PDB file of N, CA and C in Angstrom:
ATOM      1  N   MET A   1      42.598  68.607 -61.643  1.00  0.00           N
ATOM      2  CA  MET A   1      42.698  66.777 -61.257  1.00  0.00           C
ATOM      3  C   MET A   1      43.365  66.534 -62.537  1.00  0.00           C
ATOM      4  N   PRO A   2      44.581  65.052 -62.136  1.00  0.00           N
ATOM      5  CA  PRO A   2      45.312  64.510 -63.190  1.00  0.00           C
ATOM      6  C   PRO A   2      44.961  63.772 -64.406  1.00  0.00           C
ATOM      7  N   ARG A   3      45.489  63.289 -65.136  1.00  0.00           N
ATOM      8  CA  ARG A   3      45.065  62.622 -66.006  1.00  0.00           C
ATOM      9  C   ARG A   3      45.238  61.256 -65.799  1.00  0.00           C
ATOM     10  N   ALA A   4      43.607  60.409 -66.338  1.00  0.00           N
ATOM     11  CA  ALA A   4      44.101  58.906 -66.310  1.00  0.00           C
ATOM     12  C   ALA A   4      44.210  58.397 -67.156  1.00  0.00           C
ATOM     13  N   LYS A   5      45.179  57.158 -66.918  1.00  0.00           N
ATOM     14  CA  LYS A   5      45.873  57.139 -68.189  1.00  0.00           C
ATOM     15  C   LYS A   5      45.003  55.694 -68.562  1.00  0.00           C
ATOM     16  N   GLY A   6      44.582  54.850 -67.561  1.00  0.00           N
ATOM     17  CA  GLY A   6      43.823  53.835 -67.907  1.00  0.00           C
ATOM     18  C   GLY A   6      44.445  52.477 -67.512  1.00  0.00           C
ATOM     19  N   GLY A   7      45.882  52.739 -67.833  1.00  0.00           N
ATOM     20  CA  GLY A   7      46.732  51.287 -67.688  1.00  0.00           C
ATOM     21  C   GLY A   7      46.391  50.049 -67.328  1.00  0.00           C
ATOM     22  N   PHE A   8      45.850  49.428 -66.476  1.00  0.00           N
ATOM     23  CA  PHE A   8      45.719  48.326 -66.796  1.00  0.00           C
ATOM     24  C   PHE A   8      44.299  47.772 -67.201  1.00  0.00           C
ATOM     25  N   LYS A   9      43.289  48.085 -67.337  1.00  0.00           N
ATOM     26  CA  LYS A   9      42.133  48.209 -68.026  1.00  0.00           C
ATOM     27  C   LYS A   9      42.383  48.413 -69.504  1.00  0.00           C
ATOM     28  N   THR A  10      43.125  49.446 -69.994  1.00  0.00           N
ATOM     29  CA  THR A  10      43.287  49.265 -71.189  1.00  0.00           C
ATOM     30  C   THR A  10      44.301  48.523 -71.732  1.00  0.00           C
ATOM     31  N   ARG A  11      45.309  47.712 -70.872  1.00  0.00           N
ATOM     32  CA  ARG A  11      46.259  47.030 -71.540  1.00  0.00           C
ATOM     33  C   ARG A  11      45.323  45.509 -71.414  1.00  0.00           C
ATOM     34  N   ARG A  12      44.366  45.137 -70.277  1.00  0.00           N
ATOM     35  CA  ARG A  12      43.763  44.280 -70.786  1.00  0.00           C
ATOM     36  C   ARG A  12      42.991  43.875 -71.619  1.00  0.00           C
ATOM     37  N   ARG A  13      41.905  45.112 -71.992  1.00  0.00           N
ATOM     38  CA  ARG A  13      41.588  44.946 -73.221  1.00  0.00           C
ATOM     39  C   ARG A  13      41.850  45.343 -74.552  1.00  0.00           C
ATOM     40  N   HIS A  14      43.293  45.707 -74.831  1.00  0.00           N
ATOM     41  CA  HIS A  14      44.127  45.496 -75.592  1.00  0.00           C
ATOM     42  C   HIS A  14      44.779  44.164 -76.363  1.00  0.00           C
ATOM     43  N   LYS A  15      45.019  43.392 -75.181  1.00  0.00           N
ATOM     44  CA  LYS A  15      45.214  42.101 -74.813  1.00  0.00           C
ATOM     45  C   LYS A  15      44.550  41.268 -75.167  1.00  0.00           C
ATOM     46  N   ARG A  16      43.079  41.067 -74.784  1.00  0.00           N
ATOM     47  CA  ARG A  16      41.965  40.545 -75.305  1.00  0.00           C
ATOM     48  C   ARG A  16      41.514  40.663 -76.866  1.00  0.00           C
ATOM     49  N   LEU A  17      42.029  41.455 -76.952  1.00  0.00           N
ATOM     50  CA  LEU A  17      41.933  41.664 -78.491  1.00  0.00           C
ATOM     51  C   LEU A  17      42.585  41.094 -79.705  1.00  0.00           C
ATOM     52  N   LEU A  18      43.858  41.333 -78.922  1.00  0.00           N
ATOM     53  CA  LEU A  18      45.133  41.008 -79.828  1.00  0.00           C
ATOM     54  C   LEU A  18      45.068  39.281 -79.948  1.00  0.00           C
ATOM     55  N   LYS A  19      44.535  38.944 -78.952  1.00  0.00           N
ATOM     56  CA  LYS A  19      44.727  37.623 -78.562  1.00  0.00           C
ATOM     57  C   LYS A  19      43.564  36.934 -79.783  1.00  0.00           C
ATOM     58  N   LEU A  20      42.202  38.002 -80.069  1.00  0.00           N
ATOM     59  CA  LEU A  20      41.218  37.303 -81.251  1.00  0.00           C
ATOM     60  C   LEU A  20      41.840  37.515 -82.512  1.00  0.00           C
ATOM     61  N   ALA A  21      42.876  38.260 -82.571  1.00  0.00           N
ATOM     62  CA  ALA A  21      43.865  38.557 -83.701  1.00  0.00           C
ATOM     63  C   ALA A  21      44.666  37.754 -84.588  1.00  0.00           C
ATOM     64  N   LYS A  22      45.063  37.027 -83.554  1.00  0.00           N
ATOM     65  CA  LYS A  22      46.271  35.773 -83.651  1.00  0.00           C
ATOM     66  C   LYS A  22      46.284  35.224 -84.429  1.00  0.00           C
ATOM     67  N   GLY A  23      47.349  34.975 -85.369  1.00  0.00           N
ATOM     68  CA  GLY A  23      47.164  34.100 -86.654  1.00  0.00           C
ATOM     69  C   GLY A  23      46.922  35.075 -87.913  1.00  0.00           C
ATOM     70  N   TYR A  24      46.679  36.516 -87.743  1.00  0.00           N
ATOM     71  CA  TYR A  24      46.659  37.208 -89.153  1.00  0.00           C
ATOM     72  C   TYR A  24      48.038  38.027 -89.466  1.00  0.00           C
ATOM     73  N   TRP A  25      47.874  38.498 -90.415  1.00  0.00           N
ATOM     74  CA  TRP A  25      48.854  38.635 -91.034  1.00  0.00           C
ATOM     75  C   TRP A  25      49.673  40.393 -91.054  1.00  0.00           C
ATOM     76  N   GLY A  26      50.661  40.634 -90.624  1.00  0.00           N
ATOM     77  CA  GLY A  26      51.369  41.705 -90.686  1.00  0.00           C
ATOM     78  C   GLY A  26      51.005  42.676 -89.245  1.00  0.00           C
ATOM     79  N   GLN A  27      50.804  43.945 -89.727  1.00  0.00           N
ATOM     80  CA  GLN A  27      50.291  44.833 -88.463  1.00  0.00           C
ATOM     81  C   GLN A  27      48.792  44.281 -87.910  1.00  0.00           C
ATOM     82  N   ARG A  28      48.207  43.458 -88.454  1.00  0.00           N
ATOM     83  CA  ARG A  28      46.553  42.967 -88.194  1.00  0.00           C
ATOM     84  C   ARG A  28      46.663  42.275 -86.999  1.00  0.00           C
ATOM     85  N   LYS A  29      47.905  41.340 -86.651  1.00  0.00           N
ATOM     86  CA  LYS A  29      48.150  40.733 -85.213  1.00  0.00           C
ATOM     87  C   LYS A  29      48.771  41.677 -84.159  1.00  0.00           C
ATOM     88  N   ASN A  30      49.328  42.366 -84.631  1.00  0.00           N
ATOM     89  CA  ASN A  30      50.101  42.918 -83.085  1.00  0.00           C
ATOM     90  C   ASN A  30      49.931  44.666 -83.084  1.00  0.00           C
ATOM     91  N   VAL A  31      49.392  45.660 -83.935  1.00  0.00           N
ATOM     92  CA  VAL A  31      49.022  46.655 -83.836  1.00  0.00           C
ATOM     93  C   VAL A  31      47.783  46.629 -83.578  1.00  0.00           C
ATOM     94  N   PHE A  32      47.031  47.196 -82.493  1.00  0.00           N
ATOM     95  CA  PHE A  32      45.698  47.502 -81.596  1.00  0.00           C
ATOM     96  C   PHE A  32      44.852  47.896 -82.726  1.00  0.00           C
ATOM     97  N   ARG A  33      45.265  49.215 -83.399  1.00  0.00           N
ATOM     98  CA  ARG A  33      44.065  49.753 -84.126  1.00  0.00           C
ATOM     99  C   ARG A  33      43.916  49.064 -85.538  1.00  0.00           C
ATOM    100  N   ARG A  34      44.822  48.113 -85.966  1.00  0.00           N
ATOM    101  CA  ARG A  34      44.716  47.186 -87.114  1.00  0.00           C
ATOM    102  C   ARG A  34      43.953  46.101 -86.618  1.00  0.00           C
ATOM    103  N   ALA A  35      44.359  45.699 -85.637  1.00  0.00           N
ATOM    104  CA  ALA A  35      43.485  44.218 -85.167  1.00  0.00           C
ATOM    105  C   ALA A  35      42.141  44.396 -84.927  1.00  0.00           C
ATOM    106  N   LYS A  36      42.396  45.796 -84.388  1.00  0.00           N
ATOM    107  CA  LYS A  36      40.340  46.012 -83.933  1.00  0.00           C
ATOM    108  C   LYS A  36      39.742  45.876 -85.065  1.00  0.00           C
ATOM    109  N   GLU A  37      40.104  46.872 -86.027  1.00  0.00           N
ATOM    110  CA  GLU A  37      39.612  47.018 -87.467  1.00  0.00           C
ATOM    111  C   GLU A  37      39.085  45.388 -87.855  1.00  0.00           C
ATOM    112  N   THR A  38      40.347  44.716 -87.872  1.00  0.00           N
ATOM    113  CA  THR A  38      39.946  43.304 -88.754  1.00  0.00           C
ATOM    114  C   THR A  38      39.484  42.435 -87.747  1.00  0.00           C
ATOM    115  N   VAL A  39      39.359  42.429 -86.511  1.00  0.00           N
ATOM    116  CA  VAL A  39      38.223  41.291 -85.634  1.00  0.00           C
ATOM    117  C   VAL A  39      37.384  42.120 -85.866  1.00  0.00           C
ATOM    118  N   GLU A  40      36.734  43.433 -85.655  1.00  0.00           N
ATOM    119  CA  GLU A  40      35.510  43.494 -85.802  1.00  0.00           C
ATOM    120  C   GLU A  40      34.731  43.215 -87.259  1.00  0.00           C
ATOM    121  N   ARG A  41      35.734  43.330 -87.999  1.00  0.00           N
ATOM    122  CA  ARG A  41      34.946  42.766 -89.755  1.00  0.00           C
ATOM    123  C   ARG A  41      34.910  41.579 -89.526  1.00  0.00           C
ATOM    124  N   ALA A  42      35.681  40.555 -89.110  1.00  0.00           N
ATOM    125  CA  ALA A  42      35.713  38.888 -88.782  1.00  0.00           C
ATOM    126  C   ALA A  42      34.635  38.497 -87.972  1.00  0.00           C
ATOM    127  N   LEU A  43      34.133  39.119 -86.983  1.00  0.00           N
ATOM    128  CA  LEU A  43      32.981  39.136 -85.988  1.00  0.00           C
ATOM    129  C   LEU A  43      31.690  39.471 -86.835  1.00  0.00           C
ATOM    130  N   VAL A  44      31.630  40.319 -88.185  1.00  0.00           N
ATOM    131  CA  VAL A  44      30.418  40.584 -88.993  1.00  0.00           C
ATOM    132  C   VAL A  44      30.528  39.402 -89.227  1.00  0.00           C
ATOM    133  N   PHE A  45      30.999  39.220 -90.364  1.00  0.00           N
ATOM    134  CA  PHE A  45      31.231  38.196 -91.230  1.00  0.00           C
ATOM    135  C   PHE A  45      30.868  36.521 -90.344  1.00  0.00           C
ATOM    136  N   ALA A  46      31.294  36.626 -89.299  1.00  0.00           N
ATOM    137  CA  ALA A  46      31.055  35.121 -88.588  1.00  0.00           C
ATOM    138  C   ALA A  46      29.489  34.857 -88.380  1.00  0.00           C
ATOM    139  N   TYR A  47      28.863  36.481 -87.848  1.00  0.00           N
ATOM    140  CA  TYR A  47      27.497  36.642 -87.398  1.00  0.00           C
ATOM    141  C   TYR A  47      26.585  36.310 -89.080  1.00  0.00           C
ATOM    142  N   ARG A  48      26.916  36.942 -89.768  1.00  0.00           N
ATOM    143  CA  ARG A  48      26.314  36.814 -91.146  1.00  0.00           C
ATOM    144  C   ARG A  48      26.260  35.285 -91.512  1.00  0.00           C
ATOM    145  N   ASP A  49      27.505  35.069 -91.541  1.00  0.00           N
ATOM    146  CA  ASP A  49      27.662  33.524 -92.005  1.00  0.00           C
ATOM    147  C   ASP A  49      27.325  32.543 -91.156  1.00  0.00           C
ATOM    148  N   ARG A  50      26.807  32.766 -89.742  1.00  0.00           N
ATOM    149  CA  ARG A  50      26.095  31.391 -89.302  1.00  0.00           C
ATOM    150  C   ARG A  50      24.967  31.542 -89.793  1.00  0.00           C
ATOM    151  N   ARG A  51      23.925  32.495 -90.599  1.00  0.00           N
ATOM    152  CA  ARG A  51      22.991  32.184 -91.018  1.00  0.00           C
ATOM    153  C   ARG A  51      22.660  32.133 -92.175  1.00  0.00           C
ATOM    154  N   GLN A  52      23.889  32.413 -93.126  1.00  0.00           N
ATOM    155  CA  GLN A  52      24.115  32.136 -94.349  1.00  0.00           C
ATOM    156  C   GLN A  52      24.284  30.520 -94.795  1.00  0.00           C
ATOM    157  N   ARG A  53      25.112  30.010 -93.652  1.00  0.00           N
ATOM    158  CA  ARG A  53      25.119  28.608 -93.688  1.00  0.00           C
ATOM    159  C   ARG A  53      23.635  27.529 -93.707  1.00  0.00           C
ATOM    160  N   LYS A  54      23.103  28.124 -92.665  1.00  0.00           N
ATOM    161  CA  LYS A  54      21.719  27.373 -93.023  1.00  0.00           C
ATOM    162  C   LYS A  54      21.313  27.174 -94.209  1.00  0.00           C
ATOM    163  N   ARG A  55      21.030  28.431 -94.795  1.00  0.00           N
ATOM    164  CA  ARG A  55      20.147  28.780 -96.131  1.00  0.00           C
ATOM    165  C   ARG A  55      21.038  27.833 -96.876  1.00  0.00           C
ATOM    166  N   ASP A  56      22.047  27.715 -97.074  1.00  0.00           N
ATOM    167  CA  ASP A  56      23.215  26.856 -98.301  1.00  0.00           C
ATOM    168  C   ASP A  56      22.887  25.549 -98.116  1.00  0.00           C
ATOM    169  N   PHE A  57      22.398  25.153 -96.337  1.00  0.00           N
ATOM    170  CA  PHE A  57      22.338  23.966 -96.479  1.00  0.00           C
ATOM    171  C   PHE A  57      21.008  23.572 -96.998  1.00  0.00           C
ATOM    172  N   ARG A  58      20.216  24.081 -96.704  1.00  0.00           N
ATOM    173  CA  ARG A  58      18.617  24.021 -97.235  1.00  0.00           C
ATOM    174  C   ARG A  58      18.812  23.950 -99.096  1.00  0.00           C
ATOM    175  N   LYS A  59      19.393  24.435 -99.472  1.00  0.00           N
ATOM    176  CA  LYS A  59      19.765  24.703-100.824  1.00  0.00           C
ATOM    177  C   LYS A  59      20.246  23.440-101.221  1.00  0.00           C
ATOM    178  N   LEU A  60      21.297  22.943-100.409  1.00  0.00           N
ATOM    179  CA  LEU A  60      21.813  21.402-101.207  1.00  0.00           C
ATOM    180  C   LEU A  60      20.936  20.557-100.520  1.00  0.00           C
ATOM    181  N   TRP A  61      20.547  20.769 -99.741  1.00  0.00           N
ATOM    182  CA  TRP A  61      18.889  19.525 -99.565  1.00  0.00           C
ATOM    183  C   TRP A  61      18.255  19.302-100.804  1.00  0.00           C
ATOM    184  N   GLN A  62      17.720  20.731-101.126  1.00  0.00           N
ATOM    185  CA  GLN A  62      16.454  20.663-101.970  1.00  0.00           C
ATOM    186  C   GLN A  62      17.016  20.106-103.446  1.00  0.00           C
ATOM    187  N   THR A  63      18.662  20.868-103.620  1.00  0.00           N
ATOM    188  CA  THR A  63      19.049  20.120-104.966  1.00  0.00           C
ATOM    189  C   THR A  63      19.235  18.707-104.874  1.00  0.00           C
ATOM    190  N   ARG A  64      19.558  18.129-103.730  1.00  0.00           N
ATOM    191  CA  ARG A  64      19.524  16.849-104.109  1.00  0.00           C
ATOM    192  C   ARG A  64      18.559  15.781-103.812  1.00  0.00           C
ATOM    193  N   ILE A  65      17.595  16.228-103.456  1.00  0.00           N
ATOM    194  CA  ILE A  65      16.353  16.017-103.279  1.00  0.00           C
ATOM    195  C   ILE A  65      15.752  16.151-104.879  1.00  0.00           C
ATOM    196  N   ASN A  66      15.711  17.090-105.393  1.00  0.00           N
ATOM    197  CA  ASN A  66      15.376  17.523-106.725  1.00  0.00           C
ATOM    198  C   ASN A  66      15.869  16.368-107.801  1.00  0.00           C
ATOM    199  N   ALA A  67      17.189  16.060-107.499  1.00  0.00           N
ATOM    200  CA  ALA A  67      18.027  15.509-108.796  1.00  0.00           C
ATOM    201  C   ALA A  67      17.256  13.992-108.615  1.00  0.00           C
ATOM    202  N   MET A  68      17.268  13.521-107.326  1.00  0.00           N
ATOM    203  CA  MET A  68      16.934  12.056-107.235  1.00  0.00           C
ATOM    204  C   MET A  68      15.154  11.937-107.770  1.00  0.00           C
ATOM    205  N   CYS A  69      14.646  12.945-107.384  1.00  0.00           N
ATOM    206  CA  CYS A  69      12.815  13.010-107.766  1.00  0.00           C
ATOM    207  C   CYS A  69      13.148  12.624-109.386  1.00  0.00           C
ATOM    208  N   ARG A  70      13.516  13.548-109.939  1.00  0.00           N
ATOM    209  CA  ARG A  70      13.801  14.086-111.636  1.00  0.00           C
ATOM    210  C   ARG A  70      14.405  12.118-112.067  1.00  0.00           C
ATOM    211  N   LEU A  71      15.165  11.912-111.372  1.00  0.00           N
ATOM    212  CA  LEU A  71      15.284  10.423-111.894  1.00  0.00           C
ATOM    213  C   LEU A  71      14.309   9.378-111.808  1.00  0.00           C
ATOM    214  N   HIS A  72      13.378   9.805-111.214  1.00  0.00           N
ATOM    215  CA  HIS A  72      12.008   8.772-110.970  1.00  0.00           C
ATOM    216  C   HIS A  72      10.874   9.294-111.791  1.00  0.00           C
ATOM    217  N   GLY A  73      11.110  10.439-112.463  1.00  0.00           N
ATOM    218  CA  GLY A  73      10.079  11.012-113.551  1.00  0.00           C
ATOM    219  C   GLY A  73       9.136  12.144-112.370  1.00  0.00           C
ATOM    220  N   MET A  74       9.533  12.766-111.342  1.00  0.00           N
ATOM    221  CA  MET A  74       8.759  13.903-110.661  1.00  0.00           C
ATOM    222  C   MET A  74       9.811  14.712-110.476  1.00  0.00           C
ATOM    223  N   ASN A  75       8.923  15.892-110.091  1.00  0.00           N
ATOM    224  CA  ASN A  75       9.736  17.448-109.732  1.00  0.00           C
ATOM    225  C   ASN A  75       9.938  17.169-108.569  1.00  0.00           C
ATOM    226  N   TYR A  76      10.707  18.300-107.634  1.00  0.00           N
ATOM    227  CA  TYR A  76      10.830  18.544-106.410  1.00  0.00           C
ATOM    228  C   TYR A  76       9.413  19.001-105.720  1.00  0.00           C
ATOM    229  N   SER A  77       8.751  20.258-106.402  1.00  0.00           N
ATOM    230  CA  SER A  77       7.507  20.628-105.607  1.00  0.00           C
ATOM    231  C   SER A  77       6.759  19.586-105.637  1.00  0.00           C
ATOM    232  N   ARG A  78       6.389  18.678-106.496  1.00  0.00           N
ATOM    233  CA  ARG A  78       5.243  17.646-106.601  1.00  0.00           C
ATOM    234  C   ARG A  78       5.806  16.700-105.898  1.00  0.00           C
ATOM    235  N   PHE A  79       6.693  16.529-105.642  1.00  0.00           N
ATOM    236  CA  PHE A  79       7.449  15.391-104.317  1.00  0.00           C
ATOM    237  C   PHE A  79       7.073  15.674-103.053  1.00  0.00           C
ATOM    238  N   MET A  80       7.337  17.107-102.869  1.00  0.00           N
ATOM    239  CA  MET A  80       6.920  17.731-101.682  1.00  0.00           C
ATOM    240  C   MET A  80       5.668  17.318-101.277  1.00  0.00           C
ATOM    241  N   GLY A  81       4.546  17.997-102.209  1.00  0.00           N
ATOM    242  CA  GLY A  81       3.492  18.217-102.170  1.00  0.00           C
ATOM    243  C   GLY A  81       2.538  16.781-101.790  1.00  0.00           C
ATOM    244  N   GLY A  82       3.152  15.859-102.623  1.00  0.00           N
ATOM    245  CA  GLY A  82       2.699  14.563-102.293  1.00  0.00           C
ATOM    246  C   GLY A  82       3.019  14.022-100.999  1.00  0.00           C
ATOM    247  N   LEU A  83       4.058  14.377-100.616  1.00  0.00           N
ATOM    248  CA  LEU A  83       4.443  13.629 -99.307  1.00  0.00           C
ATOM    249  C   LEU A  83       3.628  14.668 -98.516  1.00  0.00           C
ATOM    250  N   LYS A  84       3.081  15.645 -98.504  1.00  0.00           N
ATOM    251  CA  LYS A  84       2.652  16.573 -97.185  1.00  0.00           C
ATOM    252  C   LYS A  84       1.196  15.885 -97.602  1.00  0.00           C
ATOM    253  N   LYS A  85       0.750  15.799 -98.787  1.00  0.00           N
ATOM    254  CA  LYS A  85      -0.893  15.237 -98.415  1.00  0.00           C
ATOM    255  C   LYS A  85      -0.978  13.689 -97.950  1.00  0.00           C
ATOM    256  N   ALA A  86       0.634  12.850 -98.252  1.00  0.00           N
ATOM    257  CA  ALA A  86       0.526  11.680 -97.464  1.00  0.00           C
ATOM    258  C   ALA A  86       0.186  11.678 -96.238  1.00  0.00           C
ATOM    259  N   GLY A  87       0.885  12.701 -95.504  1.00  0.00           N
ATOM    260  CA  GLY A  87       1.209  12.796 -94.296  1.00  0.00           C
ATOM    261  C   GLY A  87       2.504  12.340 -93.642  1.00  0.00           C
ATOM    262  N   VAL A  88       3.457  12.305 -94.477  1.00  0.00           N
ATOM    263  CA  VAL A  88       4.868  12.099 -94.645  1.00  0.00           C
ATOM    264  C   VAL A  88       5.465  13.449 -93.803  1.00  0.00           C
ATOM    265  N   GLU A  89       6.331  13.406 -92.532  1.00  0.00           N
ATOM    266  CA  GLU A  89       6.497  14.082 -91.965  1.00  0.00           C
ATOM    267  C   GLU A  89       8.325  14.304 -91.686  1.00  0.00           C
ATOM    268  N   LEU A  90       8.829  13.758 -92.699  1.00  0.00           N
ATOM    269  CA  LEU A  90      10.048  13.821 -92.990  1.00  0.00           C
ATOM    270  C   LEU A  90      10.747  15.137 -93.186  1.00  0.00           C
ATOM    271  N   ASP A  91      11.559  15.694 -92.666  1.00  0.00           N
ATOM    272  CA  ASP A  91      12.178  17.091 -93.172  1.00  0.00           C
ATOM    273  C   ASP A  91      13.480  17.225 -94.260  1.00  0.00           C
ATOM    274  N   ARG A  92      13.656  17.952 -94.947  1.00  0.00           N
ATOM    275  CA  ARG A  92      14.504  18.130 -96.180  1.00  0.00           C
ATOM    276  C   ARG A  92      15.922  17.399 -95.864  1.00  0.00           C
ATOM    277  N   LYS A  93      16.374  17.283 -94.389  1.00  0.00           N
ATOM    278  CA  LYS A  93      17.748  16.826 -94.324  1.00  0.00           C
ATOM    279  C   LYS A  93      17.746  15.791 -94.195  1.00  0.00           C
ATOM    280  N   VAL A  94      16.572  14.830 -93.374  1.00  0.00           N
ATOM    281  CA  VAL A  94      16.491  13.350 -93.602  1.00  0.00           C
ATOM    282  C   VAL A  94      16.396  13.204 -95.076  1.00  0.00           C
ATOM    283  N   LEU A  95      15.444  13.719 -95.727  1.00  0.00           N
ATOM    284  CA  LEU A  95      14.863  13.094 -97.362  1.00  0.00           C
ATOM    285  C   LEU A  95      16.272  13.311 -98.237  1.00  0.00           C
ATOM    286  N   ALA A  96      17.212  14.279 -98.077  1.00  0.00           N
ATOM    287  CA  ALA A  96      18.203  14.175 -98.729  1.00  0.00           C
ATOM    288  C   ALA A  96      19.433  13.351 -98.442  1.00  0.00           C
ATOM    289  N   TYR A  97      19.336  13.031 -97.382  1.00  0.00           N
ATOM    290  CA  TYR A  97      20.114  11.795 -96.495  1.00  0.00           C
ATOM    291  C   TYR A  97      20.050  10.606 -97.356  1.00  0.00           C
ATOM    292  N   MET A  98      18.715  10.166 -97.350  1.00  0.00           N
ATOM    293  CA  MET A  98      17.631   8.899 -97.736  1.00  0.00           C
ATOM    294  C   MET A  98      18.325   8.868 -99.237  1.00  0.00           C
ATOM    295  N   ALA A  99      17.924  10.215-100.183  1.00  0.00           N
ATOM    296  CA  ALA A  99      18.337  10.239-101.715  1.00  0.00           C
ATOM    297  C   ALA A  99      19.611   9.884-101.972  1.00  0.00           C
ATOM    298  N   VAL A 100      20.677  10.121-100.994  1.00  0.00           N
ATOM    299  CA  VAL A 100      21.805   9.930-101.314  1.00  0.00           C
ATOM    300  C   VAL A 100      22.614   8.740-100.787  1.00  0.00           C
ATOM    301  N   THR A 101      22.201   8.031 -99.609  1.00  0.00           N
ATOM    302  CA  THR A 101      22.251   6.826 -98.922  1.00  0.00           C
ATOM    303  C   THR A 101      21.621   5.640 -99.132  1.00  0.00           C
ATOM    304  N   GLU A 102      20.347   5.434 -98.944  1.00  0.00           N
ATOM    305  CA  GLU A 102      19.109   4.905 -99.257  1.00  0.00           C
ATOM    306  C   GLU A 102      18.098   5.096-100.705  1.00  0.00           C
ATOM    307  N   PRO A 103      18.572   4.946-101.787  1.00  0.00           N
ATOM    308  CA  PRO A 103      18.057   5.282-102.999  1.00  0.00           C
ATOM    309  C   PRO A 103      16.650   4.197-103.228  1.00  0.00           C
ATOM    310  N   ASP A 104      16.747   3.082-102.861  1.00  0.00           N
ATOM    311  CA  ASP A 104      15.462   2.176-102.565  1.00  0.00           C
ATOM    312  C   ASP A 104      14.201   2.759-101.813  1.00  0.00           C
ATOM    313  N   THR A 105      14.474   2.819-100.923  1.00  0.00           N
ATOM    314  CA  THR A 105      13.685   3.510 -99.756  1.00  0.00           C
ATOM    315  C   THR A 105      13.495   4.803-100.360  1.00  0.00           C
ATOM    316  N   PHE A 106      14.157   5.723-101.137  1.00  0.00           N
ATOM    317  CA  PHE A 106      13.759   6.838-101.364  1.00  0.00           C
ATOM    318  C   PHE A 106      12.674   6.862-102.481  1.00  0.00           C
ATOM    319  N   SER A 107      13.209   5.826-103.401  1.00  0.00           N
ATOM    320  CA  SER A 107      12.162   5.327-104.441  1.00  0.00           C
ATOM    321  C   SER A 107      10.539   5.257-103.961  1.00  0.00           C
ATOM    322  N   LYS A 108      10.233   4.310-102.837  1.00  0.00           N
ATOM    323  CA  LYS A 108       9.035   4.165-102.155  1.00  0.00           C
ATOM    324  C   LYS A 108       8.234   5.113-101.851  1.00  0.00           C
ATOM    325  N   LEU A 109       9.333   6.332-101.689  1.00  0.00           N
ATOM    326  CA  LEU A 109       8.516   7.718-100.776  1.00  0.00           C
ATOM    327  C   LEU A 109       8.130   8.349-102.040  1.00  0.00           C
ATOM    328  N   VAL A 110       8.893   8.324-103.438  1.00  0.00           N
ATOM    329  CA  VAL A 110       8.726   9.167-104.794  1.00  0.00           C
ATOM    330  C   VAL A 110       7.349   8.470-105.299  1.00  0.00           C
ATOM    331  N   GLU A 111       6.931   6.909-105.075  1.00  0.00           N
ATOM    332  CA  GLU A 111       5.874   6.235-105.452  1.00  0.00           C
ATOM    333  C   GLU A 111       4.649   6.864-104.504  1.00  0.00           C
ATOM    334  N   LEU A 112       4.931   6.659-103.219  1.00  0.00           N
ATOM    335  CA  LEU A 112       4.053   7.380-102.296  1.00  0.00           C
ATOM    336  C   LEU A 112       3.212   8.828-102.645  1.00  0.00           C
ATOM    337  N   ALA A 113       4.677   9.420-102.802  1.00  0.00           N
ATOM    338  CA  ALA A 113       4.091  10.872-103.160  1.00  0.00           C
ATOM    339  C   ALA A 113       3.015  10.708-104.776  1.00  0.00           C
ATOM    340  N   LYS A 114       3.877  10.190-105.617  1.00  0.00           N
ATOM    341  CA  LYS A 114       3.094  10.143-106.796  1.00  0.00           C
ATOM    342  C   LYS A 114       1.597   9.612-106.387  1.00  0.00           C
ATOM    343  N   ARG A 115       1.168   8.701-105.382  1.00  0.00           N
ATOM    344  CA  ARG A 115      -0.055   8.237-105.681  1.00  0.00           C
ATOM    345  C   ARG A 115      -0.685   9.059-105.053  1.00  0.00           C
ATOM    346  N   SER A 116      -0.228   9.743-103.936  1.00  0.00           N
ATOM    347  CA  SER A 116      -1.112  10.854-102.988  1.00  0.00           C
ATOM    348  C   SER A 116      -1.207  12.238-103.993  1.00  0.00           C
ATOM    349  N   TRP A 117      -0.439  12.439-105.231  1.00  0.00           N
ATOM    350  CA  TRP A 117      -0.614  13.711-105.770  1.00  0.00           C
ATOM    351  C   TRP A 117      -1.452  13.421-106.686  1.00  0.00           C
ATOM    352  N   GLN A 118      -1.875  12.456-107.440  1.00  0.00           N
ATOM    353  CA  GLN A 118      -2.997  12.225-108.215  1.00  0.00           C
ATOM    354  C   GLN A 118      -4.466  12.294-107.672  1.00  0.00           C
TER     355      GLN A 118
END
């Protein structure tokens, strides 16, 4: 039986992967084996960092909220606990945005959290 070389399908698979490697440096962009290694590694990083990004943003929001709370004489955990007891259902993203852009409104929330904490 003659050997099947793949031809069209192999070329199509190689072209698809080399297209993903566009912009890489040296052999990584035009030698299939090097490009495949690099693209696979890049895809792993992309998958991991899509999840990491969510964690990073949550940390950033917590830091911003905590910094603003401390200006008003309260810490982050008591603030969040006070809001929960008061029945305020704003998420951290919104609270962090308010802390940065609307400090007056945020200070009212801190006072509400202080009242409901005690």
